[in-house]
PDB file of all heavy atoms in Angstrom:
ATOM      1  N   ARG A   1     153.126  96.316  78.300  1.00  0.00           N
ATOM      2  CA  ARG A   1     152.799  95.207  77.520  1.00  0.00           C
ATOM      3  C   ARG A   1     151.699  95.567  76.471  1.00  0.00           C
ATOM      4  O   ARG A   1     150.988  96.505  76.695  1.00  0.00           O
ATOM      5  CB  ARG A   1     152.326  94.023  78.392  1.00  0.00           C
ATOM      6  CG  ARG A   1     151.072  94.329  79.166  1.00  0.00           C
ATOM      7  CD  ARG A   1     150.801  93.226  80.196  1.00  0.00           C
ATOM      8  NE  ARG A   1     150.478  91.959  79.523  1.00  0.00           N
ATOM      9  CZ  ARG A   1     150.279  90.825  80.211  1.00  0.00           C
ATOM     10  NH1 ARG A   1     150.275  90.827  81.513  1.00  0.00           N
ATOM     11  NH2 ARG A   1     149.981  89.690  79.579  1.00  0.00           N
ATOM     12  N   THR A   2     151.671  94.818  75.411  1.00  0.00           N
ATOM     13  CA  THR A   2     150.625  94.955  74.332  1.00  0.00           C
ATOM     14  C   THR A   2     150.066  93.643  73.934  1.00  0.00           C
ATOM     15  O   THR A   2     150.712  92.592  74.208  1.00  0.00           O
ATOM     16  CB  THR A   2     151.205  95.741  73.147  1.00  0.00           C
ATOM     17  OG1 THR A   2     152.288  94.907  72.650  1.00  0.00           O
ATOM     18  CG2 THR A   2     151.707  97.076  73.535  1.00  0.00           C
ATOM     19  N   ARG A   3     148.900  93.678  73.303  1.00  0.00           N
ATOM     20  CA  ARG A   3     148.462  92.474  72.675  1.00  0.00           C
ATOM     21  C   ARG A   3     147.980  92.784  71.267  1.00  0.00           C
ATOM     22  O   ARG A   3     147.630  93.971  70.961  1.00  0.00           O
ATOM     23  CB  ARG A   3     147.266  91.860  73.463  1.00  0.00           C
ATOM     24  CG  ARG A   3     145.997  92.727  73.461  1.00  0.00           C
ATOM     25  CD  ARG A   3     144.885  91.979  74.123  1.00  0.00           C
ATOM     26  NE  ARG A   3     143.703  92.796  74.329  1.00  0.00           N
ATOM     27  CZ  ARG A   3     142.691  92.914  73.352  1.00  0.00           C
ATOM     28  NH1 ARG A   3     142.920  92.312  72.225  1.00  0.00           N
ATOM     29  NH2 ARG A   3     141.665  93.675  73.576  1.00  0.00           N
ATOM     30  N   PRO A   4     147.886  91.757  70.363  1.00  0.00           N
ATOM     31  CA  PRO A   4     147.511  92.044  69.019  1.00  0.00           C
ATOM     32  C   PRO A   4     146.035  92.662  69.004  1.00  0.00           C
ATOM     33  O   PRO A   4     145.176  92.215  69.676  1.00  0.00           O
ATOM     34  CB  PRO A   4     147.536  90.673  68.333  1.00  0.00           C
ATOM     35  CG  PRO A   4     148.427  89.922  69.186  1.00  0.00           C
ATOM     36  CD  PRO A   4     148.271  90.465  70.564  1.00  0.00           C
ATOM     37  N   GLY A   5     145.836  93.667  68.145  1.00  0.00           N
ATOM     38  CA  GLY A   5     144.472  94.233  68.041  1.00  0.00           C
ATOM     39  C   GLY A   5     144.024  94.040  66.608  1.00  0.00           C
ATOM     40  O   GLY A   5     144.490  93.210  65.790  1.00  0.00           O
ATOM     41  N   LYS A   6     142.984  94.789  66.259  1.00  0.00           N
ATOM     42  CA  LYS A   6     142.364  94.583  64.964  1.00  0.00           C
ATOM     43  C   LYS A   6     143.399  95.032  63.848  1.00  0.00           C
ATOM     44  O   LYS A   6     144.211  95.928  64.078  1.00  0.00           O
ATOM     45  CB  LYS A   6     141.148  95.496  64.845  1.00  0.00           C
ATOM     46  CG  LYS A   6     140.028  95.138  65.716  1.00  0.00           C
ATOM     47  CD  LYS A   6     138.805  96.045  65.561  1.00  0.00           C
ATOM     48  CE  LYS A   6     137.674  95.606  66.462  1.00  0.00           C
ATOM     49  NZ  LYS A   6     136.509  96.468  66.290  1.00  0.00           N
ATOM     50  N   GLU A   7     143.363  94.329  62.826  1.00  0.00           N
ATOM     51  CA  GLU A   7     144.221  94.546  61.659  1.00  0.00           C
ATOM     52  C   GLU A   7     145.660  94.478  61.986  1.00  0.00           C
ATOM     53  O   GLU A   7     146.523  95.165  61.419  1.00  0.00           O
ATOM     54  CB  GLU A   7     143.843  95.853  60.960  1.00  0.00           C
ATOM     55  CG  GLU A   7     142.395  95.927  60.536  1.00  0.00           C
ATOM     56  CD  GLU A   7     142.037  97.333  60.014  1.00  0.00           C
ATOM     57  OE1 GLU A   7     142.878  98.239  60.063  1.00  0.00           O
ATOM     58  OE2 GLU A   7     140.950  97.468  59.522  1.00  0.00           O
ATOM     59  N   GLY A   8     145.950  93.641  62.957  1.00  0.00           N
ATOM     60  CA  GLY A   8     147.390  93.416  63.299  1.00  0.00           C
ATOM     61  C   GLY A   8     148.025  94.566  64.142  1.00  0.00           C
ATOM     62  O   GLY A   8     149.209  94.513  64.424  1.00  0.00           O
ATOM     63  N   LEU A   9     147.196  95.536  64.538  1.00  0.00           N
ATOM     64  CA  LEU A   9     147.775  96.648  65.343  1.00  0.00           C
ATOM     65  C   LEU A   9     148.040  96.195  66.737  1.00  0.00           C
ATOM     66  O   LEU A   9     147.489  95.233  67.225  1.00  0.00           O
ATOM     67  CB  LEU A   9     146.809  97.830  65.361  1.00  0.00           C
ATOM     68  CG  LEU A   9     146.436  98.434  63.968  1.00  0.00           C
ATOM     69  CD1 LEU A   9     145.380  99.509  64.146  1.00  0.00           C
ATOM     70  CD2 LEU A   9     147.708  99.020  63.328  1.00  0.00           C
ATOM     71  N   SER A  10     148.870  96.924  67.404  1.00  0.00           N
ATOM     72  CA  SER A  10     149.269  96.603  68.803  1.00  0.00           C
ATOM     73  C   SER A  10     148.255  97.329  69.690  1.00  0.00           C
ATOM     74  O   SER A  10     148.100  98.545  69.657  1.00  0.00           O
ATOM     75  CB  SER A  10     150.645  97.018  69.068  1.00  0.00           C
ATOM     76  OG  SER A  10     150.970  96.683  70.404  1.00  0.00           O
ATOM     77  N   HIS A  11     147.582  96.568  70.530  1.00  0.00           N
ATOM     78  CA  HIS A  11     146.480  97.134  71.401  1.00  0.00           C
ATOM     79  C   HIS A  11     146.909  97.080  72.824  1.00  0.00           C
ATOM     80  O   HIS A  11     147.183  95.988  73.360  1.00  0.00           O
ATOM     81  CB  HIS A  11     145.177  96.385  71.181  1.00  0.00           C
ATOM     82  CG  HIS A  11     144.023  97.088  71.689  1.00  0.00           C
ATOM     83  ND1 HIS A  11     143.018  97.586  70.877  1.00  0.00           N
ATOM     84  CD2 HIS A  11     143.628  97.374  72.947  1.00  0.00           C
ATOM     85  CE1 HIS A  11     142.066  98.155  71.633  1.00  0.00           C
ATOM     86  NE2 HIS A  11     142.475  98.007  72.894  1.00  0.00           N
ATOM     87  N   PRO A  12     147.070  98.158  73.505  1.00  0.00           N
ATOM     88  CA  PRO A  12     147.558  98.209  74.883  1.00  0.00           C
ATOM     89  C   PRO A  12     146.511  97.759  75.911  1.00  0.00           C
ATOM     90  O   PRO A  12     145.338  97.925  75.736  1.00  0.00           O
ATOM     91  CB  PRO A  12     147.923  99.662  75.121  1.00  0.00           C
ATOM     92  CG  PRO A  12     146.959 100.418  74.272  1.00  0.00           C
ATOM     93  CD  PRO A  12     146.776  99.571  73.060  1.00  0.00           C
ATOM     94  N   TYR A  13     146.995  97.133  76.921  1.00  0.00           N
ATOM     95  CA  TYR A  13     146.102  96.841  78.118  1.00  0.00           C
ATOM     96  C   TYR A  13     147.026  96.653  79.344  1.00  0.00           C
ATOM     97  O   TYR A  13     148.199  96.350  79.253  1.00  0.00           O
ATOM     98  CB  TYR A  13     145.271  95.575  77.836  1.00  0.00           C
ATOM     99  CG  TYR A  13     146.035  94.237  77.794  1.00  0.00           C
ATOM    100  CD1 TYR A  13     145.785  93.287  78.806  1.00  0.00           C
ATOM    101  CD2 TYR A  13     146.989  93.989  76.904  1.00  0.00           C
ATOM    102  CE1 TYR A  13     146.481  92.051  78.808  1.00  0.00           C
ATOM    103  CE2 TYR A  13     147.695  92.800  76.897  1.00  0.00           C
ATOM    104  CZ  TYR A  13     147.404  91.862  77.869  1.00  0.00           C
ATOM    105  OH  TYR A  13     148.040  90.630  77.763  1.00  0.00           O
ATOM    106  N   ASP A  14     146.360  96.893  80.469  1.00  0.00           N
ATOM    107  CA  ASP A  14     147.136  96.870  81.746  1.00  0.00           C
ATOM    108  C   ASP A  14     146.415  95.985  82.730  1.00  0.00           C
ATOM    109  O   ASP A  14     145.236  96.284  83.025  1.00  0.00           O
ATOM    110  CB  ASP A  14     147.335  98.304  82.272  1.00  0.00           C
ATOM    111  CG  ASP A  14     148.058  99.248  81.341  1.00  0.00           C
ATOM    112  OD1 ASP A  14     149.156  98.879  80.934  1.00  0.00           O
ATOM    113  OD2 ASP A  14     147.592 100.272  80.999  1.00  0.00           O
ATOM    114  N   TRP A  15     147.092  95.060  83.287  1.00  0.00           N
ATOM    115  CA  TRP A  15     146.614  94.217  84.397  1.00  0.00           C
ATOM    116  C   TRP A  15     147.542  94.474  85.533  1.00  0.00           C
ATOM    117  O   TRP A  15     148.733  94.706  85.443  1.00  0.00           O
ATOM    118  CB  TRP A  15     146.561  92.759  84.037  1.00  0.00           C
ATOM    119  CG  TRP A  15     145.673  92.436  82.878  1.00  0.00           C
ATOM    120  CD1 TRP A  15     146.064  92.252  81.584  1.00  0.00           C
ATOM    121  CD2 TRP A  15     144.272  92.232  82.902  1.00  0.00           C
ATOM    122  NE1 TRP A  15     144.939  91.919  80.779  1.00  0.00           N
ATOM    123  CE2 TRP A  15     143.761  91.943  81.586  1.00  0.00           C
ATOM    124  CE3 TRP A  15     143.303  92.255  83.940  1.00  0.00           C
ATOM    125  CZ2 TRP A  15     142.501  91.727  81.262  1.00  0.00           C
ATOM    126  CZ3 TRP A  15     141.955  92.036  83.599  1.00  0.00           C
ATOM    127  CH2 TRP A  15     141.545  91.741  82.326  1.00  0.00           C
ATOM    128  N   GLU A  16     146.959  94.281  86.734  1.00  0.00           N
ATOM    129  CA  GLU A  16     147.835  94.460  87.918  1.00  0.00           C
ATOM    130  C   GLU A  16     148.986  93.450  87.884  1.00  0.00           C
ATOM    131  O   GLU A  16     148.787  92.241  87.643  1.00  0.00           O
ATOM    132  CB  GLU A  16     146.968  94.189  89.186  1.00  0.00           C
ATOM    133  CG  GLU A  16     146.135  95.322  89.615  1.00  0.00           C
ATOM    134  CD  GLU A  16     145.512  94.984  90.969  1.00  0.00           C
ATOM    135  OE1 GLU A  16     144.725  94.049  91.026  1.00  0.00           O
ATOM    136  OE2 GLU A  16     145.849  95.700  91.937  1.00  0.00           O
ATOM    137  N   PRO A  17     150.161  93.865  88.146  1.00  0.00           N
ATOM    138  CA  PRO A  17     151.339  92.945  88.094  1.00  0.00           C
ATOM    139  C   PRO A  17     151.467  92.250  89.487  1.00  0.00           C
ATOM    140  O   PRO A  17     152.236  92.651  90.347  1.00  0.00           O
ATOM    141  CB  PRO A  17     152.519  93.929  87.905  1.00  0.00           C
ATOM    142  CG  PRO A  17     152.039  95.233  88.539  1.00  0.00           C
ATOM    143  CD  PRO A  17     150.587  95.277  88.321  1.00  0.00           C
ATOM    144  N   LEU A  18     150.627  91.236  89.685  1.00  0.00           N
ATOM    145  CA  LEU A  18     150.543  90.614  91.002  1.00  0.00           C
ATOM    146  C   LEU A  18     151.853  90.026  91.485  1.00  0.00           C
ATOM    147  O   LEU A  18     152.105  90.137  92.699  1.00  0.00           O
ATOM    148  CB  LEU A  18     149.517  89.427  90.958  1.00  0.00           C
ATOM    149  CG  LEU A  18     148.043  89.923  91.082  1.00  0.00           C
ATOM    150  CD1 LEU A  18     147.081  88.671  91.039  1.00  0.00           C
ATOM    151  CD2 LEU A  18     147.825  90.665  92.271  1.00  0.00           C
ATOM    152  N   GLY A  19     152.694  89.564  90.619  1.00  0.00           N
ATOM    153  CA  GLY A  19     153.956  88.995  91.087  1.00  0.00           C
ATOM    154  C   GLY A  19     154.825  90.035  91.735  1.00  0.00           C
ATOM    155  O   GLY A  19     155.310  89.875  92.830  1.00  0.00           O
ATOM    156  N   ALA A  20     154.915  91.238  91.047  1.00  0.00           N
ATOM    157  CA  ALA A  20     155.734  92.300  91.623  1.00  0.00           C
ATOM    158  C   ALA A  20     155.109  92.867  92.820  1.00  0.00           C
ATOM    159  O   ALA A  20     155.824  93.301  93.774  1.00  0.00           O
ATOM    160  CB  ALA A  20     155.896  93.396  90.551  1.00  0.00           C
ATOM    161  N   LEU A  21     153.779  92.916  92.872  1.00  0.00           N
ATOM    162  CA  LEU A  21     153.107  93.439  94.020  1.00  0.00           C
ATOM    163  C   LEU A  21     153.221  92.552  95.206  1.00  0.00           C
ATOM    164  O   LEU A  21     153.294  93.095  96.384  1.00  0.00           O
ATOM    165  CB  LEU A  21     151.602  93.644  93.712  1.00  0.00           C
ATOM    166  CG  LEU A  21     151.300  94.680  92.595  1.00  0.00           C
ATOM    167  CD1 LEU A  21     149.766  94.828  92.468  1.00  0.00           C
ATOM    168  CD2 LEU A  21     151.909  95.969  92.881  1.00  0.00           C
ATOM    169  N   CYS A  22     153.349  91.248  94.970  1.00  0.00           N
ATOM    170  CA  CYS A  22     153.598  90.324  96.134  1.00  0.00           C
ATOM    171  C   CYS A  22     155.020  90.558  96.655  1.00  0.00           C
ATOM    172  O   CYS A  22     155.231  90.566  97.862  1.00  0.00           O
ATOM    173  CB  CYS A  22     153.486  88.901  95.622  1.00  0.00           C
ATOM    174  SG  CYS A  22     151.732  88.345  95.395  1.00  0.00           S
ATOM    175  N   LEU A  23     155.977  90.767  95.745  1.00  0.00           N
ATOM    176  CA  LEU A  23     157.364  91.039  96.171  1.00  0.00           C
ATOM    177  C   LEU A  23     157.438  92.300  96.935  1.00  0.00           C
ATOM    178  O   LEU A  23     158.200  92.417  97.972  1.00  0.00           O
ATOM    179  CB  LEU A  23     158.284  91.020  94.958  1.00  0.00           C
ATOM    180  CG  LEU A  23     158.765  89.715  94.286  1.00  0.00           C
ATOM    181  CD1 LEU A  23     159.560  89.959  93.127  1.00  0.00           C
ATOM    182  CD2 LEU A  23     159.489  88.872  95.318  1.00  0.00           C
ATOM    183  N   SER A  24     156.762  93.277  96.429  1.00  0.00           N
ATOM    184  CA  SER A  24     156.780  94.606  97.096  1.00  0.00           C
ATOM    185  C   SER A  24     156.269  94.460  98.531  1.00  0.00           C
ATOM    186  O   SER A  24     156.897  94.950  99.474  1.00  0.00           O
ATOM    187  CB  SER A  24     155.927  95.594  96.296  1.00  0.00           C
ATOM    188  OG  SER A  24     155.770  96.808  97.020  1.00  0.00           O
TER     189      SER A  24
END
C-alpha cells in the first residue's frame, strides 16, 4: 500500500495487517 506524499508522490508505509494476522 501507499499514501500520497509531498508533491503528489506516492509515499510507502507499512502497518501490521491485523485482519490477516487474526485469520492466520
